[in-house]
Amino acid sequence: MKILLDENVPHKLRRALGDRDVVTVDFMGWNGLKNGELLRMAEESGIDVLVTGDRSLRYEQNLDDRRIAVVVLSAQKWPILRDHMPKIAHAIDSAVPASFTPVDCGLFRRARRRIGGPSV
């Protein structure tokens, strides 16, 4: 199985996937391609699974006639993803052609600053 990491997914995920055959959009020279073109190029290059953080891809692309599977992560920050590696790996390993598989890794939220707190 050959896996492609989209440009919005941290490269650390590649190492965390162990012995799997993983390439990045950057490595393939496909930065900036629109989703439909990226899926076409990936399929032509023998990619089986695209891992992305683009949650709108599901609504923009029809996979009915595609051979590629798409795994969609709910977060894109490595500190969040690393805690969900077993779930991510399972989604990739069990992906089937022409499918979208969402992986709930939580969401990154910035801490809110308190305004008007007690003076120090």
C-alpha atoms as a PDB file:
ATOM      1  CA  MET A   1       0.000   0.000   0.000  1.00  0.00           C
ATOM      2  CA  LYS A   2       1.366   3.411  -0.993  1.00  0.00           C
ATOM      3  CA  ILE A   3       0.341   6.419   1.110  1.00  0.00           C
ATOM      4  CA  LEU A   4       0.452  10.116   0.189  1.00  0.00           C
ATOM      5  CA  LEU A   5       0.506  12.815   2.884  1.00  0.00           C
ATOM      6  CA  ASP A   6      -1.161  16.037   1.766  1.00  0.00           C
ATOM      7  CA  GLU A   7       0.717  19.307   2.200  1.00  0.00           C
ATOM      8  CA  ASN A   8      -1.479  20.253   5.194  1.00  0.00           C
ATOM      9  CA  VAL A   9      -0.329  17.204   7.200  1.00  0.00           C
ATOM     10  CA  PRO A  10       2.898  17.381   9.247  1.00  0.00           C
ATOM     11  CA  HIS A  11       5.854  15.421   7.852  1.00  0.00           C
ATOM     12  CA  LYS A  12       6.418  13.856  11.302  1.00  0.00           C
ATOM     13  CA  LEU A  13       3.420  11.675  10.538  1.00  0.00           C
ATOM     14  CA  ARG A  14       5.503   9.958   7.837  1.00  0.00           C
ATOM     15  CA  ARG A  15       8.058   8.680  10.359  1.00  0.00           C
ATOM     16  CA  ALA A  16       5.339   7.751  12.841  1.00  0.00           C
ATOM     17  CA  LEU A  17       3.749   5.414  10.275  1.00  0.00           C
ATOM     18  CA  GLY A  18       6.766   3.123  10.527  1.00  0.00           C
ATOM     19  CA  ASP A  19       7.538   0.741   7.672  1.00  0.00           C
ATOM     20  CA  ARG A  20       4.620   1.800   5.493  1.00  0.00           C
ATOM     21  CA  ASP A  21       5.416   3.203   2.025  1.00  0.00           C
ATOM     22  CA  VAL A  22       4.721   6.914   2.604  1.00  0.00           C
ATOM     23  CA  VAL A  23       5.501   9.910   0.377  1.00  0.00           C
ATOM     24  CA  THR A  24       4.550  13.556   0.735  1.00  0.00           C
ATOM     25  CA  VAL A  25       2.984  15.961  -1.742  1.00  0.00           C
ATOM     26  CA  ASP A  26       6.150  18.043  -1.385  1.00  0.00           C
ATOM     27  CA  PHE A  27       8.405  15.076  -2.232  1.00  0.00           C
ATOM     28  CA  MET A  28       6.316  14.294  -5.318  1.00  0.00           C
ATOM     29  CA  GLY A  29       6.476  17.948  -6.464  1.00  0.00           C
ATOM     30  CA  TRP A  30       2.701  18.340  -6.346  1.00  0.00           C
ATOM     31  CA  ASN A  31       2.459  21.381  -4.044  1.00  0.00           C
ATOM     32  CA  GLY A  32      -0.369  23.705  -4.979  1.00  0.00           C
ATOM     33  CA  LEU A  33      -2.352  21.220  -7.077  1.00  0.00           C
ATOM     34  CA  LYS A  34      -6.119  21.497  -6.762  1.00  0.00           C
ATOM     35  CA  ASN A  35      -7.803  18.507  -5.114  1.00  0.00           C
ATOM     36  CA  GLY A  36      -9.162  16.901  -8.289  1.00  0.00           C
ATOM     37  CA  GLU A  37      -5.809  17.150 -10.039  1.00  0.00           C
ATOM     38  CA  LEU A  38      -4.002  15.861  -6.937  1.00  0.00           C
ATOM     39  CA  LEU A  39      -6.255  12.804  -6.779  1.00  0.00           C
ATOM     40  CA  ARG A  40      -5.721  12.118 -10.491  1.00  0.00           C
ATOM     41  CA  MET A  41      -1.931  12.439 -10.245  1.00  0.00           C
ATOM     42  CA  ALA A  42      -1.871  10.278  -7.120  1.00  0.00           C
ATOM     43  CA  GLU A  43      -3.862   7.510  -8.787  1.00  0.00           C
ATOM     44  CA  GLU A  44      -1.678   7.623 -11.904  1.00  0.00           C
ATOM     45  CA  SER A  45       1.368   7.226  -9.623  1.00  0.00           C
ATOM     46  CA  GLY A  46      -0.023   4.182  -7.836  1.00  0.00           C
ATOM     47  CA  ILE A  47      -1.017   5.908  -4.590  1.00  0.00           C
ATOM     48  CA  ASP A  48      -3.610   3.919  -2.654  1.00  0.00           C
ATOM     49  CA  VAL A  49      -4.419   6.309   0.209  1.00  0.00           C
ATOM     50  CA  LEU A  50      -4.340  10.101   0.532  1.00  0.00           C
ATOM     51  CA  VAL A  51      -4.087  11.374   4.117  1.00  0.00           C
ATOM     52  CA  THR A  52      -5.294  14.959   4.425  1.00  0.00           C
ATOM     53  CA  GLY A  53      -6.533  17.515   6.905  1.00  0.00           C
ATOM     54  CA  ASP A  54      -8.865  19.031   4.301  1.00  0.00           C
ATOM     55  CA  ARG A  55     -12.281  18.214   5.758  1.00  0.00           C
ATOM     56  CA  SER A  56     -14.100  19.900   2.848  1.00  0.00           C
ATOM     57  CA  LEU A  57     -12.580  17.454   0.331  1.00  0.00           C
ATOM     58  CA  ARG A  58     -15.421  15.031   1.021  1.00  0.00           C
ATOM     59  CA  TYR A  59     -17.948  17.577  -0.254  1.00  0.00           C
ATOM     60  CA  GLU A  60     -15.848  18.788  -3.194  1.00  0.00           C
ATOM     61  CA  GLN A  61     -14.786  15.475  -4.735  1.00  0.00           C
ATOM     62  CA  ASN A  62     -16.715  12.415  -5.841  1.00  0.00           C
ATOM     63  CA  LEU A  63     -14.706   9.225  -5.356  1.00  0.00           C
ATOM     64  CA  ASP A  64     -17.205   6.861  -7.003  1.00  0.00           C
ATOM     65  CA  ASP A  65     -14.972   6.185 -10.013  1.00  0.00           C
ATOM     66  CA  ARG A  66     -11.665   6.484  -8.153  1.00  0.00           C
ATOM     67  CA  ARG A  67      -9.225   3.791  -7.030  1.00  0.00           C
ATOM     68  CA  ILE A  68      -7.803   5.952  -4.238  1.00  0.00           C
ATOM     69  CA  ALA A  69      -9.036   6.074  -0.644  1.00  0.00           C
ATOM     70  CA  VAL A  70      -8.980   9.286   1.406  1.00  0.00           C
ATOM     71  CA  VAL A  71      -8.331   9.438   5.154  1.00  0.00           C
ATOM     72  CA  VAL A  72      -9.367  12.810   6.596  1.00  0.00           C
ATOM     73  CA  LEU A  73      -7.848  13.938   9.893  1.00  0.00           C
ATOM     74  CA  SER A  74      -9.783  16.371  12.101  1.00  0.00           C
ATOM     75  CA  ALA A  75      -6.559  18.074  13.244  1.00  0.00           C
ATOM     76  CA  GLN A  76      -3.308  18.972  11.535  1.00  0.00           C
ATOM     77  CA  LYS A  77      -0.943  19.778  14.423  1.00  0.00           C
ATOM     78  CA  TRP A  78       1.628  17.122  15.322  1.00  0.00           C
ATOM     79  CA  PRO A  79       1.186  17.427  19.134  1.00  0.00           C
ATOM     80  CA  ILE A  80      -2.456  16.428  18.657  1.00  0.00           C
ATOM     81  CA  LEU A  81      -1.914  13.779  15.958  1.00  0.00           C
ATOM     82  CA  ARG A  82       0.838  11.874  17.795  1.00  0.00           C
ATOM     83  CA  ASP A  83      -1.623  10.951  20.556  1.00  0.00           C
ATOM     84  CA  HIS A  84      -3.914   9.380  17.943  1.00  0.00           C
ATOM     85  CA  MET A  85      -1.408   7.370  15.892  1.00  0.00           C
ATOM     86  CA  PRO A  86      -3.032   3.952  16.516  1.00  0.00           C
ATOM     87  CA  LYS A  87      -6.373   5.316  15.274  1.00  0.00           C
ATOM     88  CA  ILE A  88      -4.751   7.006  12.251  1.00  0.00           C
ATOM     89  CA  ALA A  89      -2.733   3.903  11.334  1.00  0.00           C
ATOM     90  CA  HIS A  90      -5.838   1.712  11.609  1.00  0.00           C
ATOM     91  CA  ALA A  91      -7.817   4.044   9.316  1.00  0.00           C
ATOM     92  CA  ILE A  92      -5.028   3.951   6.727  1.00  0.00           C
ATOM     93  CA  ASP A  93      -4.537   0.175   6.920  1.00  0.00           C
ATOM     94  CA  SER A  94      -8.260  -0.527   6.570  1.00  0.00           C
ATOM     95  CA  ALA A  95      -9.010   2.097   3.873  1.00  0.00           C
ATOM     96  CA  VAL A  96     -10.755   0.780   0.781  1.00  0.00           C
ATOM     97  CA  PRO A  97     -10.741   2.325  -2.703  1.00  0.00           C
ATOM     98  CA  ALA A  98     -13.272   5.104  -3.396  1.00  0.00           C
ATOM     99  CA  SER A  99     -13.868   5.792   0.309  1.00  0.00           C
ATOM    100  CA  PHE A 100     -13.572   8.720   2.691  1.00  0.00           C
ATOM    101  CA  THR A 101     -12.591   7.749   6.237  1.00  0.00           C
ATOM    102  CA  PRO A 102     -12.751  10.501   8.878  1.00  0.00           C
ATOM    103  CA  VAL A 103     -10.430  10.194  11.891  1.00  0.00           C
ATOM    104  CA  ASP A 104     -11.465  12.190  14.951  1.00  0.00           C
ATOM    105  CA  CYS A 105      -8.274  13.450  16.565  1.00  0.00           C
ATOM    106  CA  GLY A 106      -9.914  16.371  18.310  1.00  0.00           C
ATOM    107  CA  LEU A 107      -9.280  19.955  17.283  1.00  0.00           C
ATOM    108  CA  PHE A 108      -6.524  22.439  17.995  1.00  0.00           C
ATOM    109  CA  ARG A 109      -7.814  25.366  20.033  1.00  0.00           C
ATOM    110  CA  ARG A 110      -5.799  28.309  21.221  1.00  0.00           C
ATOM    111  CA  ALA A 111      -6.052  29.149  24.906  1.00  0.00           C
ATOM    112  CA  ARG A 112      -8.081  32.285  25.506  1.00  0.00           C
ATOM    113  CA  ARG A 113      -6.375  35.172  27.226  1.00  0.00           C
ATOM    114  CA  ARG A 114      -8.154  36.515  30.231  1.00  0.00           C
ATOM    115  CA  ILE A 115      -8.773  40.230  30.007  1.00  0.00           C
ATOM    116  CA  GLY A 116      -9.290  42.374  33.072  1.00  0.00           C
ATOM    117  CA  GLY A 117      -8.033  39.880  35.622  1.00  0.00           C
ATOM    118  CA  PRO A 118      -6.647  40.850  39.020  1.00  0.00           C
ATOM    119  CA  SER A 119      -3.636  43.183  39.053  1.00  0.00           C
ATOM    120  CA  VAL A 120      -0.322  41.814  40.208  1.00  0.00           C
END
